[in-house]
Amino acid sequence: MMAASTSRLAIARAGGIMAHMRQGYTMPLIMARSYGSSPAAATCEATAHAGPTAHSVFQSLATNRPVFKITKPIDIIREPADFYQALLRGISRAKHRICLSSLYIGSEETELVSKLDQALTRSPALQVHILVDCLRGTRTNRAGESTATLLAPLVSKHGRDRVVVSMYHTPALSGVNKRAWPQRFNETFGLQHIKAYLFDDELIMSGANLSRDYFTNRQDRYMRLRDEKLCGYFVGLLQAIAKFSFELVPSRGSGFHLAIHQFPDPSKDPRGFVQEANEVMASFLHRASVENSVQKISHTDTLAIPTVQMSQLGITQDEQHMAEFFQITDQFARQHQACRNFMTSAYFNFSDFHKHNVLANRSRWDLLVASPEANGFFTASGISKYIPNMYSIIEYQFLRMVRKHGRSDIAVEEYSRQGWTYHGKGVWCYLDQKLPQLTMIGSPNYGYRSIYCDLEAQVTLIPGSDALQNDVHQEALGLLSHSKMVSEAELKQRIRGSPMWLYGLKPFILKKM
C-alpha cells in the first residue's frame, strides 16, 4: 500500500468513487425530499433503460423478503444532536404508538424519559413499547442506576397496559456461566442490538444507542422513513421479540423485577427457549414476507427491504441477504468492469465471512472504520485500553492479505475527528461509480457477533431517483470528510512494540467485541 496522499491521488486518477465523493463536497445537516413513484413511470424497466437498472440487478434481494415502496419524504440526518432532536420531536408528536429498540438507554437520559411521560399524559391513547437488552439494561453504574431503574417509574406511573419494557436475554448465558460471569463481561455472550425508533408511522433507522455520547459527539448514521406498512413491520418485529423477552415489572420507587410470560427462561432452559423463540420468529418473518411482497417494480420506485439476524435462535436472514449482495456485486463487476462498494463499521473487526467476500469479490472496495482515537475504548482503563491497538493489529493483518491477493483496488480509511468517536455502520453500492444505487443501514457491525451472537436488523434501501441517490451519496461524503487513508506500512509502525500477549487475545476480540 502507498502512503495516504499517494493512494488518494491514484484513486482520483482512476476515476473511482473516492474521487467522485470528494469533488465539490457539501454537507447540509438534514436533507429531505419527496421520493415517489411517478404516475407515468414505466412498469417494465427494460423499456425505460437500455442497460441494467439497480432494481433489476438487485431483484433477488427482494425475493422471499418483505419489500416496501416508500413514497413519502426520506430524511438523512447528519449529526448526533439532530438525531436527538428528531427523537424528541417524534415523541412529542406521536399520538398512537412509540416503539424504541436499543441496546440500552443511558441512565442519565432523564429528559428523554420526561418527554415520554409528557406524551403519555397528553395522549391517553398512546402506547409505548421499549425493547432493550436484559444484561446491558440491568448493568448498574456506581450509583446503582441502570436502564431498568430509569424506566421503572414510567411504567409504574402509566401502567403496564400502556408502557411495556421488554428485556431480551441471550440463551447463550445460562447455568454456571450465568453465575460466574460478572456484569459487562457477561454481555459478550449475546445481546439485543437492534436500533429502530418509531413514532406512529415514522421510523428512524440507526446504529446509535440512546445515551448522551450518541447525542453529542459519537458519530453514527440515521435515516428517517415515513411509511405505515414499514412501521407496521417493525412494530410486529418488536412485538415478536417481546414474546420471548423478560418484562420489566416495577416495584416501590425505582425498584423492579423481571417476569417472563408463558415462555422458557433462557437462563434456565436455553434449548426450550431457542426452539420456541425460533418458531415465533420464523412465523413472523414468513407472514411478513407474504403480506409485503411486491409484484411490479419500476425503476422509479424507492424500495426498503428489512432483514434480521438472530443466529442463536436459528434465524439467518440477513446473513443470506449479505451473501446474495456479495454474489450480485461480484457478478456485476465481472460482467461490466464497473462496481465499487463502500462499507463502514465502528470497528475493524469484520468477520471471516465479510473479509473473504471482500477479497474474492471483483468490485472495488473502500472500508471505513474508527481510528484508534475515535474508538470508544481509547480512553478506557485496564485491559480495555489495549482494544484499539488490537483492532490496528487486525487491520494490519488484513492489509497484508490484500497485498498478497494482489488487490490494489481495496483501501482502508479511518475516521478521525477531534473529540469525537465513531460508531457508523452500513454499505453503499455504486454500480456505475457515480452515485450509490443501494445503501444498507442498521445495527450490524459486520463482525462475528453480528452474525452469530446478537439480534440485528438493517434496511436495504434502493433509491428510485437521482435526488435520493445524491442524498445518500452526500451522507457518505460527510463521513469521508473526516477520514484518512491508512497503509500497511503505517499500521506496521503503529503496532510496533505491542505486547505479545495482545496477539493472544485476537480470537477473543474477534468473537466477543
Protein backbone atom coordinates (compact mmCIF):
# COMPACT_ATOMS: atom_id res chain seq x y z
CA MET A 1 0.00 0.00 0.00
CA MET A 2 1.13 3.54 -0.77
CA ALA A 3 1.22 6.44 1.61
CA ALA A 4 -2.11 8.15 2.21
CA SER A 5 -1.59 11.12 -0.10
CA THR A 6 -0.25 8.96 -2.94
CA SER A 7 -3.11 6.48 -2.57
CA ARG A 8 -5.70 9.25 -2.73
CA LEU A 9 -4.12 10.60 -5.91
CA ALA A 10 -4.08 7.17 -7.53
CA ILE A 11 -7.73 6.63 -6.78
CA ALA A 12 -8.63 10.10 -8.05
CA ARG A 13 -6.78 9.41 -11.32
CA ALA A 14 -8.59 6.11 -11.65
CA GLY A 15 -11.89 7.98 -11.50
CA GLY A 16 -13.08 5.87 -8.56
CA ILE A 17 -15.77 6.61 -6.04
CA MET A 18 -13.43 8.36 -3.62
CA ALA A 19 -12.60 10.94 -6.25
CA HIS A 20 -16.27 11.48 -7.04
CA MET A 21 -17.04 11.74 -3.34
CA ARG A 22 -14.55 14.44 -2.54
CA GLN A 23 -15.23 16.69 -5.52
CA GLY A 24 -17.43 19.64 -4.67
CA TYR A 25 -18.22 18.35 -1.22
CA THR A 26 -21.20 19.97 0.55
CA MET A 27 -22.99 18.57 3.57
CA PRO A 28 -26.28 20.04 4.80
CA LEU A 29 -27.34 18.83 8.24
CA ILE A 30 -30.65 17.31 7.15
CA MET A 31 -31.83 16.80 3.59
CA ALA A 32 -35.47 15.96 2.88
CA ARG A 33 -37.14 15.40 -0.44
CA SER A 34 -40.20 13.56 -1.67
CA TYR A 35 -39.24 10.36 -3.44
CA GLY A 36 -42.32 8.86 -5.01
CA SER A 37 -43.24 6.76 -7.98
CA SER A 38 -44.23 8.82 -10.97
CA PRO A 39 -47.78 8.04 -12.19
CA ALA A 40 -46.37 7.79 -15.70
CA ALA A 41 -43.45 5.58 -14.72
CA ALA A 42 -42.87 2.57 -16.93
CA THR A 43 -43.79 -0.77 -15.41
CA CYS A 44 -41.06 -2.51 -17.40
CA GLU A 45 -37.53 -1.41 -16.63
CA ALA A 46 -36.22 -2.77 -19.91
CA THR A 47 -38.26 -0.24 -21.89
CA ALA A 48 -37.04 2.68 -19.79
CA HIS A 49 -33.32 1.87 -19.76
CA ALA A 50 -31.06 0.26 -22.32
CA GLY A 51 -28.74 -1.10 -19.65
CA PRO A 52 -29.44 -2.90 -16.38
CA THR A 53 -31.06 -0.82 -13.65
CA ALA A 54 -30.36 -1.16 -9.94
CA HIS A 55 -33.84 -2.60 -9.46
CA SER A 56 -33.17 -5.38 -11.95
CA VAL A 57 -29.61 -6.01 -10.71
CA PHE A 58 -30.76 -6.34 -7.08
CA GLN A 59 -34.05 -8.08 -7.88
CA SER A 60 -33.13 -11.26 -5.99
CA LEU A 61 -32.64 -9.29 -2.76
CA ALA A 62 -36.39 -8.65 -2.77
CA THR A 63 -37.28 -12.32 -3.26
CA ASN A 64 -38.95 -14.07 -0.31
CA ARG A 65 -38.45 -10.98 1.85
CA PRO A 66 -40.79 -8.15 2.83
CA VAL A 67 -40.46 -5.21 0.43
CA PHE A 68 -41.89 -1.74 0.93
CA LYS A 69 -42.33 1.02 -1.64
CA ILE A 70 -41.52 4.32 0.05
CA THR A 71 -43.45 7.24 -1.43
CA LYS A 72 -43.03 9.86 1.29
CA PRO A 73 -40.01 12.04 2.12
CA ILE A 74 -36.86 10.40 3.43
CA ASP A 75 -34.61 12.41 5.73
CA ILE A 76 -30.94 11.61 6.12
CA ILE A 77 -29.88 13.04 9.44
CA ARG A 78 -26.22 14.01 9.65
CA GLU A 79 -25.29 14.86 13.22
CA PRO A 80 -25.91 13.29 16.66
CA ALA A 81 -27.51 16.49 18.03
CA ASP A 82 -30.02 16.49 15.16
CA PHE A 83 -30.72 12.82 15.79
CA TYR A 84 -31.55 13.64 19.40
CA GLN A 85 -33.86 16.49 18.42
CA ALA A 86 -35.58 14.21 15.91
CA LEU A 87 -36.22 11.71 18.73
CA LEU A 88 -37.69 14.38 20.99
CA ARG A 89 -39.92 15.72 18.19
CA GLY A 90 -41.07 12.22 17.33
CA ILE A 91 -42.04 11.55 20.93
CA SER A 92 -43.85 14.88 21.25
CA ARG A 93 -45.85 14.40 18.04
CA ALA A 94 -46.81 10.74 18.49
CA LYS A 95 -50.49 10.12 19.11
CA HIS A 96 -50.87 6.34 18.91
CA ARG A 97 -47.63 4.43 19.26
CA ILE A 98 -43.97 4.82 20.18
CA CYS A 99 -41.58 1.91 19.80
CA LEU A 100 -37.94 2.26 20.82
CA SER A 101 -35.47 -0.57 20.25
CA SER A 102 -31.93 -0.06 21.51
CA LEU A 103 -29.14 -1.89 23.25
CA TYR A 104 -29.81 0.32 26.26
CA ILE A 105 -30.96 3.76 27.38
CA GLY A 106 -28.38 5.72 29.35
CA SER A 107 -29.35 6.11 32.99
CA GLU A 108 -28.73 9.87 32.63
CA GLU A 109 -31.37 10.30 29.91
CA THR A 110 -33.99 11.82 32.17
CA GLU A 111 -35.11 14.36 29.54
CA LEU A 112 -35.93 11.59 27.09
CA VAL A 113 -37.99 9.74 29.69
CA SER A 114 -39.64 13.01 30.75
CA LYS A 115 -40.74 13.57 27.15
CA LEU A 116 -42.24 10.08 27.11
CA ASP A 117 -44.04 10.85 30.36
CA GLN A 118 -45.44 14.09 28.93
CA ALA A 119 -46.56 12.39 25.72
CA LEU A 120 -48.36 9.63 27.64
CA THR A 121 -50.09 12.20 29.82
CA ARG A 122 -51.10 14.34 26.85
CA SER A 123 -52.38 11.49 24.64
CA PRO A 124 -54.47 8.88 26.52
CA ALA A 125 -54.50 6.55 23.50
CA LEU A 126 -50.70 6.48 23.21
CA GLN A 127 -48.96 3.12 23.69
CA VAL A 128 -45.21 2.87 24.37
CA HIS A 129 -43.09 -0.24 23.80
CA ILE A 130 -39.40 -0.20 24.65
CA LEU A 131 -37.07 -3.09 23.79
CA VAL A 132 -33.57 -3.23 25.29
CA ASP A 133 -31.06 -5.89 26.17
CA CYS A 134 -31.55 -7.50 29.56
CA LEU A 135 -27.88 -7.79 30.52
CA ARG A 136 -26.92 -4.30 29.36
CA GLY A 137 -30.19 -2.80 30.57
CA THR A 138 -29.69 -4.04 34.13
CA ARG A 139 -25.96 -3.24 34.33
CA THR A 140 -25.62 -0.61 37.06
CA ASN A 141 -23.28 2.35 37.40
CA ARG A 142 -21.60 3.32 40.66
CA ALA A 143 -24.81 4.97 41.84
CA GLY A 144 -26.76 1.76 41.26
CA GLU A 145 -28.60 3.23 38.25
CA SER A 146 -29.45 1.41 35.04
CA THR A 147 -31.86 1.47 32.13
CA ALA A 148 -34.23 -0.60 34.25
CA THR A 149 -34.20 1.81 37.20
CA LEU A 150 -34.68 4.73 34.79
CA LEU A 151 -37.78 3.23 33.17
CA ALA A 152 -39.44 1.52 36.14
CA PRO A 153 -41.10 4.74 37.45
CA LEU A 154 -42.52 5.46 33.97
CA VAL A 155 -44.13 2.02 33.86
CA SER A 156 -45.39 2.41 37.41
CA LYS A 157 -46.99 5.79 36.68
CA HIS A 158 -48.75 4.92 33.43
CA GLY A 159 -49.29 1.20 33.89
CA ARG A 160 -48.08 -1.90 32.09
CA ASP A 161 -51.11 -1.74 29.81
CA ARG A 162 -49.68 1.45 28.25
CA VAL A 163 -45.93 1.14 28.77
CA VAL A 164 -44.21 -2.18 28.08
CA VAL A 165 -40.47 -2.54 28.63
CA SER A 166 -39.14 -5.78 27.11
CA MET A 167 -35.68 -7.02 28.02
CA TYR A 168 -34.23 -9.73 25.77
CA HIS A 169 -31.85 -12.23 27.39
CA THR A 170 -29.50 -14.38 25.32
CA PRO A 171 -29.87 -18.17 25.68
CA ALA A 172 -26.08 -18.49 25.41
CA LEU A 173 -25.63 -17.35 29.02
CA SER A 174 -27.12 -19.93 31.35
CA GLY A 175 -26.29 -22.29 34.17
CA VAL A 176 -22.79 -21.94 35.61
CA ASN A 177 -21.82 -19.24 33.11
CA LYS A 178 -24.75 -17.12 34.22
CA ARG A 179 -23.50 -17.22 37.79
CA ALA A 180 -19.78 -16.97 37.01
CA TRP A 181 -19.54 -14.07 34.56
CA PRO A 182 -19.82 -10.58 36.08
CA GLN A 183 -21.67 -7.60 34.63
CA ARG A 184 -20.22 -6.15 31.43
CA PHE A 185 -18.27 -9.31 30.64
CA ASN A 186 -21.45 -11.40 30.53
CA GLU A 187 -22.64 -9.23 27.62
CA THR A 188 -20.08 -10.88 25.33
CA PHE A 189 -22.36 -13.94 25.07
CA GLY A 190 -25.04 -12.14 23.06
CA LEU A 191 -27.18 -9.00 23.07
CA GLN A 192 -30.30 -7.35 21.72
CA HIS A 193 -28.60 -4.95 19.31
CA ILE A 194 -31.44 -3.69 17.05
CA LYS A 195 -31.67 0.12 16.80
CA ALA A 196 -35.06 1.30 15.49
CA TYR A 197 -37.05 4.30 16.75
CA LEU A 198 -40.68 4.55 15.70
CA PHE A 199 -43.31 7.23 16.24
CA ASP A 200 -46.75 6.45 14.75
CA ASP A 201 -45.87 5.94 11.05
CA GLU A 202 -42.37 7.43 11.17
CA LEU A 203 -39.26 5.28 11.59
CA ILE A 204 -35.70 6.36 12.35
CA MET A 205 -33.36 3.53 11.39
CA SER A 206 -29.95 3.81 13.00
CA GLY A 207 -26.99 2.11 14.63
CA ALA A 208 -26.98 4.54 17.56
CA ASN A 209 -27.97 3.76 21.12
CA LEU A 210 -29.89 6.13 23.39
CA SER A 211 -27.28 7.74 25.61
CA ARG A 212 -25.55 11.09 25.92
CA ASP A 213 -22.48 10.48 23.74
CA TYR A 214 -24.69 9.23 20.89
CA PHE A 215 -26.49 12.59 21.07
CA THR A 216 -23.37 14.75 21.14
CA ASN A 217 -20.03 13.53 19.78
CA ARG A 218 -20.36 9.86 18.77
CA GLN A 219 -20.95 9.74 15.03
CA ASP A 220 -23.41 7.21 13.66
CA ARG A 221 -25.95 7.02 10.82
CA TYR A 222 -29.63 7.94 11.00
CA MET A 223 -32.33 7.67 8.33
CA ARG A 224 -35.96 8.72 8.83
CA LEU A 225 -38.56 6.92 6.70
CA ARG A 226 -42.31 7.55 6.67
CA ASP A 227 -44.40 4.55 5.68
CA GLU A 228 -47.30 2.95 7.52
CA LYS A 229 -46.58 -0.60 6.34
CA LEU A 230 -42.84 -0.44 7.04
CA CYS A 231 -43.56 0.88 10.53
CA GLY A 232 -46.13 -1.88 10.98
CA TYR A 233 -43.41 -4.40 10.14
CA PHE A 234 -41.09 -3.06 12.84
CA VAL A 235 -43.91 -2.86 15.39
CA GLY A 236 -44.58 -6.53 14.66
CA LEU A 237 -40.88 -7.38 14.89
CA LEU A 238 -40.57 -5.83 18.34
CA GLN A 239 -43.79 -7.50 19.50
CA ALA A 240 -42.48 -10.85 18.31
CA ILE A 241 -39.23 -10.40 20.25
CA ALA A 242 -41.22 -9.27 23.29
CA LYS A 243 -42.97 -12.64 23.38
CA PHE A 244 -39.73 -14.34 24.43
CA SER A 245 -38.24 -11.45 26.42
CA PHE A 246 -38.49 -10.56 30.07
CA GLU A 247 -40.89 -7.79 31.00
CA LEU A 248 -39.86 -5.05 33.42
CA VAL A 249 -42.27 -5.07 36.37
CA PRO A 250 -41.90 -2.03 38.68
CA SER A 251 -41.99 -2.13 42.44
CA ARG A 252 -41.57 0.60 45.06
CA GLY A 253 -39.63 3.67 43.84
CA SER A 254 -37.34 2.72 41.01
CA GLY A 255 -37.23 -0.92 42.05
CA PHE A 256 -38.24 -3.69 39.67
CA HIS A 257 -38.26 -7.38 38.94
CA LEU A 258 -38.26 -9.26 35.65
CA ALA A 259 -41.04 -11.57 34.52
CA ILE A 260 -41.25 -13.89 31.52
CA HIS A 261 -44.71 -14.96 30.44
CA GLN A 262 -45.56 -18.48 29.23
CA PHE A 263 -42.08 -18.99 27.80
CA PRO A 264 -38.98 -20.95 28.89
CA ASP A 265 -36.45 -18.93 30.87
CA PRO A 266 -33.39 -18.57 28.57
CA SER A 267 -31.01 -18.73 31.54
CA LYS A 268 -32.55 -21.97 32.84
CA ASP A 269 -33.89 -23.79 29.78
CA PRO A 270 -31.92 -22.44 26.80
CA ARG A 271 -32.83 -25.33 24.47
CA GLY A 272 -36.53 -24.97 25.07
CA PHE A 273 -36.20 -21.22 24.75
CA VAL A 274 -34.41 -21.41 21.39
CA GLN A 275 -36.95 -23.85 19.97
CA GLU A 276 -39.95 -21.73 20.89
CA ALA A 277 -38.30 -18.40 20.01
CA ASN A 278 -37.36 -19.79 16.59
CA GLU A 279 -40.99 -20.73 15.97
CA VAL A 280 -42.14 -17.23 16.88
CA MET A 281 -39.60 -15.52 14.61
CA ALA A 282 -39.97 -17.94 11.69
CA SER A 283 -43.73 -17.42 11.78
CA PHE A 284 -43.38 -13.64 11.90
CA LEU A 285 -40.86 -13.48 9.05
CA HIS A 286 -42.90 -15.79 6.82
CA ARG A 287 -46.06 -13.79 7.43
CA ALA A 288 -44.24 -10.51 6.84
CA SER A 289 -42.81 -11.75 3.53
CA VAL A 290 -46.20 -12.95 2.29
CA GLU A 291 -48.09 -9.84 3.36
CA ASN A 292 -45.50 -7.39 2.00
CA SER A 293 -44.49 -8.87 -1.34
CA VAL A 294 -44.34 -6.57 -4.37
CA GLN A 295 -45.44 -7.81 -7.77
CA LYS A 296 -44.41 -4.97 -10.06
CA ILE A 297 -41.37 -2.76 -9.54
CA SER A 298 -40.47 0.30 -11.56
CA HIS A 299 -37.02 1.83 -11.76
CA THR A 300 -38.53 4.96 -10.15
CA ASP A 301 -39.70 3.08 -7.05
CA THR A 302 -37.77 3.59 -3.84
CA LEU A 303 -37.62 0.21 -2.10
CA ALA A 304 -36.93 -0.63 1.54
CA ILE A 305 -36.07 -4.25 2.36
CA PRO A 306 -35.71 -5.02 6.11
CA THR A 307 -33.71 -8.06 7.21
CA VAL A 308 -32.94 -9.54 10.62
CA GLN A 309 -30.22 -11.79 12.04
CA MET A 310 -30.72 -13.92 15.16
CA SER A 311 -28.29 -16.78 14.69
CA GLN A 312 -28.60 -18.01 18.28
CA LEU A 313 -32.30 -18.50 17.54
CA GLY A 314 -31.70 -20.15 14.16
CA ILE A 315 -32.64 -17.06 12.12
CA THR A 316 -30.03 -16.16 9.48
CA GLN A 317 -32.00 -13.95 7.08
CA ASP A 318 -29.54 -11.06 7.00
CA GLU A 319 -26.54 -13.34 6.55
CA GLN A 320 -28.21 -14.84 3.48
CA HIS A 321 -29.10 -11.35 2.28
CA MET A 322 -25.48 -10.23 2.54
CA ALA A 323 -24.25 -13.37 0.77
CA GLU A 324 -26.58 -12.59 -2.13
CA PHE A 325 -25.38 -8.98 -2.19
CA PHE A 326 -21.75 -10.11 -2.41
CA GLN A 327 -22.63 -12.52 -5.21
CA ILE A 328 -24.60 -9.90 -7.16
CA THR A 329 -21.89 -7.26 -6.99
CA ASP A 330 -19.18 -9.77 -7.88
CA GLN A 331 -21.07 -10.88 -10.98
CA PHE A 332 -21.83 -7.30 -11.97
CA ALA A 333 -18.18 -6.29 -11.61
CA ARG A 334 -17.01 -9.23 -13.71
CA GLN A 335 -19.56 -8.52 -16.45
CA HIS A 336 -19.39 -4.72 -16.56
CA GLN A 337 -15.95 -3.91 -15.10
CA ALA A 338 -17.67 -1.23 -13.03
CA CYS A 339 -18.74 -1.59 -9.42
CA ARG A 340 -17.46 -0.07 -6.21
CA ASN A 341 -18.67 -0.72 -2.68
CA PHE A 342 -18.12 1.42 0.39
CA MET A 343 -18.57 -0.40 3.72
CA THR A 344 -18.18 1.06 7.18
CA SER A 345 -18.14 -0.29 10.70
CA ALA A 346 -17.37 1.09 14.11
CA TYR A 347 -14.50 -1.38 14.47
CA PHE A 348 -12.11 -3.16 12.14
CA ASN A 349 -13.46 -6.46 13.28
CA PHE A 350 -15.08 -7.78 10.12
CA SER A 351 -15.99 -11.45 10.26
CA ASP A 352 -14.17 -14.03 8.15
CA PHE A 353 -17.35 -14.19 6.05
CA HIS A 354 -17.14 -10.50 5.20
CA LYS A 355 -13.36 -10.40 4.73
CA HIS A 356 -13.40 -13.45 2.45
CA ASN A 357 -16.15 -11.96 0.30
CA VAL A 358 -14.41 -8.60 0.04
CA LEU A 359 -11.17 -10.25 -1.06
CA ALA A 360 -12.89 -12.61 -3.51
CA ASN A 361 -15.29 -10.02 -4.89
CA ARG A 362 -14.14 -8.31 -8.08
CA SER A 363 -15.71 -4.99 -7.08
CA ARG A 364 -13.57 -2.17 -5.80
CA TRP A 365 -13.87 -1.82 -2.02
CA ASP A 366 -13.36 1.07 0.38
CA LEU A 367 -13.60 0.23 4.09
CA LEU A 368 -14.06 2.94 6.73
CA VAL A 369 -13.51 2.24 10.44
CA ALA A 370 -12.73 4.22 13.57
CA SER A 371 -9.19 5.41 14.10
CA PRO A 372 -7.69 4.45 17.48
CA GLU A 373 -8.54 7.93 18.80
CA ALA A 374 -12.14 7.62 17.56
CA ASN A 375 -12.57 4.18 19.12
CA GLY A 376 -14.88 4.15 22.13
CA PHE A 377 -12.25 2.19 24.11
CA PHE A 378 -9.46 4.72 23.50
CA THR A 379 -9.79 6.34 26.94
CA ALA A 380 -10.65 3.10 28.76
CA SER A 381 -8.62 1.79 31.67
CA GLY A 382 -7.32 -1.67 32.46
CA ILE A 383 -7.11 -4.25 29.69
CA SER A 384 -9.79 -2.42 27.66
CA LYS A 385 -7.35 0.35 26.79
CA TYR A 386 -5.49 -2.11 24.53
CA ILE A 387 -8.57 -2.85 22.40
CA PRO A 388 -7.92 -0.05 19.84
CA ASN A 389 -4.39 -1.39 19.38
CA MET A 390 -5.82 -4.88 18.86
CA TYR A 391 -8.04 -3.55 16.09
CA SER A 392 -4.97 -1.94 14.48
CA ILE A 393 -3.26 -5.35 14.52
CA ILE A 394 -6.27 -6.94 12.82
CA GLU A 395 -6.36 -4.07 10.32
CA TYR A 396 -2.67 -4.52 9.53
CA GLN A 397 -3.08 -8.26 9.02
CA PHE A 398 -5.98 -7.64 6.65
CA LEU A 399 -3.96 -5.20 4.52
CA ARG A 400 -1.22 -7.83 4.30
CA MET A 401 -3.85 -10.21 2.93
CA VAL A 402 -4.96 -7.52 0.47
CA ARG A 403 -1.38 -7.20 -0.82
CA LYS A 404 -0.91 -10.97 -1.06
CA HIS A 405 -4.13 -11.23 -3.08
CA GLY A 406 -2.85 -8.53 -5.42
CA ARG A 407 -5.85 -6.32 -4.70
CA SER A 408 -4.72 -2.74 -5.24
CA ASP A 409 -8.40 -1.78 -5.53
CA ILE A 410 -9.15 -2.36 -1.82
CA ALA A 411 -8.48 0.56 0.51
CA VAL A 412 -8.96 1.19 4.23
CA GLU A 413 -9.73 4.58 5.75
CA GLU A 414 -10.02 5.65 9.37
CA TYR A 415 -12.47 8.16 10.81
CA SER A 416 -10.68 10.79 12.86
CA ARG A 417 -12.39 13.88 14.29
CA GLN A 418 -11.05 15.79 17.26
CA GLY A 419 -13.03 14.97 20.38
CA TRP A 420 -15.35 12.53 18.60
CA THR A 421 -15.78 8.76 18.50
CA TYR A 422 -17.13 6.76 15.57
CA HIS A 423 -19.96 4.22 15.57
CA GLY A 424 -21.20 4.28 11.95
CA LYS A 425 -22.05 1.15 10.01
CA GLY A 426 -23.50 0.31 6.64
CA VAL A 427 -22.91 -0.23 2.93
CA TRP A 428 -23.12 1.95 -0.19
CA CYS A 429 -23.04 0.31 -3.62
CA TYR A 430 -22.04 2.28 -6.73
CA LEU A 431 -22.79 0.16 -9.76
CA ASP A 432 -21.74 2.93 -12.16
CA GLN A 433 -19.24 4.50 -9.73
CA LYS A 434 -21.05 7.87 -9.78
CA LEU A 435 -23.97 7.74 -7.34
CA PRO A 436 -24.99 4.91 -4.99
CA GLN A 437 -27.81 2.69 -6.22
CA LEU A 438 -28.12 0.91 -2.86
CA THR A 439 -27.38 1.52 0.79
CA MET A 440 -27.77 -0.60 3.92
CA ILE A 441 -28.38 1.00 7.30
CA GLY A 442 -28.98 -0.54 10.71
CA SER A 443 -27.32 -2.20 13.67
CA PRO A 444 -24.85 -4.81 12.29
CA ASN A 445 -21.13 -4.09 12.65
CA TYR A 446 -20.43 -6.88 10.12
CA GLY A 447 -18.39 -8.76 12.69
CA TYR A 448 -18.56 -12.24 14.19
CA ARG A 449 -21.04 -11.08 16.82
CA SER A 450 -23.35 -9.57 14.22
CA ILE A 451 -23.64 -12.95 12.53
CA TYR A 452 -23.52 -15.40 15.40
CA CYS A 453 -24.35 -13.71 18.71
CA ASP A 454 -26.61 -10.66 18.64
CA LEU A 455 -30.09 -9.71 17.48
CA GLU A 456 -29.59 -7.41 14.48
CA ALA A 457 -31.72 -5.61 11.90
CA GLN A 458 -30.93 -3.45 8.92
CA VAL A 459 -32.81 -1.92 6.00
CA THR A 460 -31.56 -2.14 2.42
CA LEU A 461 -32.67 0.97 0.55
CA ILE A 462 -32.74 1.05 -3.26
CA PRO A 463 -33.35 4.70 -4.26
CA GLY A 464 -35.76 5.40 -7.09
CA SER A 465 -34.49 8.86 -8.01
CA ASP A 466 -31.24 10.68 -8.70
CA ALA A 467 -32.11 13.10 -5.91
CA LEU A 468 -32.25 10.39 -3.27
CA GLN A 469 -29.13 8.75 -4.65
CA ASN A 470 -27.36 12.08 -4.31
CA ASP A 471 -28.54 12.50 -0.71
CA VAL A 472 -27.26 9.02 0.17
CA HIS A 473 -24.02 9.92 -1.58
CA GLN A 474 -23.74 13.15 0.43
CA GLU A 475 -24.14 11.12 3.63
CA ALA A 476 -21.11 9.03 2.65
CA LEU A 477 -19.22 12.23 1.85
CA GLY A 478 -19.92 13.54 5.32
CA LEU A 479 -18.25 10.52 6.89
CA LEU A 480 -15.33 10.51 4.47
CA SER A 481 -14.68 14.22 5.07
CA HIS A 482 -13.29 13.20 8.47
CA SER A 483 -11.34 10.19 7.22
CA LYS A 484 -7.75 9.41 6.37
CA MET A 485 -6.46 6.52 4.29
CA VAL A 486 -4.03 4.20 6.06
CA SER A 487 -1.35 1.97 4.60
CA GLU A 488 0.15 -1.35 5.61
CA ALA A 489 3.46 0.37 6.41
CA GLU A 490 1.75 2.95 8.62
CA LEU A 491 -0.10 0.29 10.57
CA LYS A 492 3.04 -1.79 10.95
CA GLN A 493 4.75 1.18 12.56
CA ARG A 494 1.74 1.87 14.78
CA ILE A 495 1.57 -1.63 16.26
CA ARG A 496 5.33 -1.94 16.74
CA GLY A 497 6.05 -2.62 20.38
CA SER A 498 2.62 -4.05 21.13
CA PRO A 499 2.87 -6.64 23.93
CA MET A 500 2.96 -10.20 22.64
CA TRP A 501 0.13 -11.25 24.92
CA LEU A 502 -2.13 -8.89 22.98
CA TYR A 503 -1.85 -11.14 19.93
CA GLY A 504 -3.14 -13.99 22.05
CA LEU A 505 -6.31 -12.02 22.69
CA LYS A 506 -7.13 -11.81 19.00
CA PRO A 507 -9.55 -14.81 18.96
CA PHE A 508 -11.43 -13.36 21.93
CA ILE A 509 -11.60 -9.87 20.39
CA LEU A 510 -12.79 -11.23 17.04
CA LYS A 511 -15.64 -13.19 18.58
CA LYS A 512 -16.62 -11.16 21.62
CA MET A 513 -16.15 -7.47 20.86
